[in-house]
């Protein structure tokens, strides 16, 4: 996973990082589970740093559960 210092990700990019469908990302954002903002056109954008941190946390939880 590439380190990002600044920027925003599209729904499909978040889905790829988290290994879920874009619909799941949209649902999580709507439910308040993922931080996001909206463009002037109404599209969701997700802060890359927050998504990267979440992905790292999910990997750590998965590794703990395997033990």
Protein backbone atom coordinates (compact mmCIF):
# COMPACT_ATOMS: atom_id res chain seq x y z
CA UNK A 1 0.00 0.00 0.00
CA UNK A 2 1.48 3.34 -1.03
CA UNK A 3 1.88 6.02 1.60
CA UNK A 4 -0.05 9.21 0.91
CA UNK A 5 0.53 12.46 2.72
CA UNK A 6 -2.31 14.54 1.32
CA UNK A 7 -5.26 14.17 -0.96
CA UNK A 8 -8.61 12.59 -1.42
CA UNK A 9 -9.76 9.29 -2.83
CA UNK A 10 -12.75 8.38 -4.97
CA UNK A 11 -15.25 5.75 -3.84
CA UNK A 12 -13.81 3.09 -6.16
CA UNK A 13 -10.29 3.74 -4.87
CA UNK A 14 -11.43 3.34 -1.26
CA UNK A 15 -13.26 0.13 -2.18
CA UNK A 16 -10.08 -1.29 -3.70
CA UNK A 17 -7.97 -0.40 -0.66
CA UNK A 18 -10.48 -1.87 1.81
CA UNK A 19 -11.35 -4.89 -0.37
CA UNK A 20 -15.07 -4.17 -0.41
CA UNK A 21 -17.51 -3.08 -3.11
CA UNK A 22 -18.08 0.59 -3.98
CA UNK A 23 -21.68 0.16 -2.76
CA UNK A 24 -20.35 -0.86 0.66
CA UNK A 25 -18.12 2.24 0.78
CA UNK A 26 -21.11 4.42 -0.11
CA UNK A 27 -23.26 2.76 2.56
CA UNK A 28 -20.53 3.13 5.22
CA UNK A 29 -20.14 6.82 4.33
CA UNK A 30 -23.90 7.36 4.51
CA UNK A 31 -24.00 5.62 7.91
CA UNK A 32 -21.18 7.84 9.21
CA UNK A 33 -18.62 5.03 9.42
CA UNK A 34 -16.19 6.63 6.95
CA UNK A 35 -15.10 10.28 6.96
CA UNK A 36 -15.87 12.03 3.69
CA UNK A 37 -16.75 15.30 2.06
CA UNK A 38 -18.70 16.11 -1.07
CA UNK A 39 -17.58 17.79 -4.25
CA UNK A 40 -19.66 20.58 -5.79
CA UNK A 41 -21.09 17.91 -8.10
CA UNK A 42 -22.20 15.81 -5.11
CA UNK A 43 -19.56 13.08 -5.37
CA UNK A 44 -18.01 11.74 -2.17
CA UNK A 45 -14.30 12.16 -1.57
CA UNK A 46 -12.49 10.39 1.24
CA UNK A 47 -9.35 11.71 2.98
CA UNK A 48 -6.52 9.42 1.89
CA UNK A 49 -4.74 9.58 5.24
CA UNK A 50 -7.83 8.43 7.18
CA UNK A 51 -8.52 5.59 4.76
CA UNK A 52 -4.90 4.41 4.88
CA UNK A 53 -5.02 4.43 8.70
CA UNK A 54 -8.28 2.45 8.69
CA UNK A 55 -6.79 -0.11 6.28
CA UNK A 56 -3.77 -0.56 8.58
CA UNK A 57 -6.04 -1.01 11.61
CA UNK A 58 -8.12 -3.61 9.77
CA UNK A 59 -5.00 -5.57 8.84
CA UNK A 60 -3.84 -5.52 12.47
CA UNK A 61 -7.22 -6.77 13.71
CA UNK A 62 -7.22 -9.52 11.09
CA UNK A 63 -3.74 -10.65 12.17
CA UNK A 64 -4.77 -10.75 15.82
CA UNK A 65 -7.85 -12.85 15.02
CA UNK A 66 -5.70 -15.42 13.19
CA UNK A 67 -3.56 -16.05 16.26
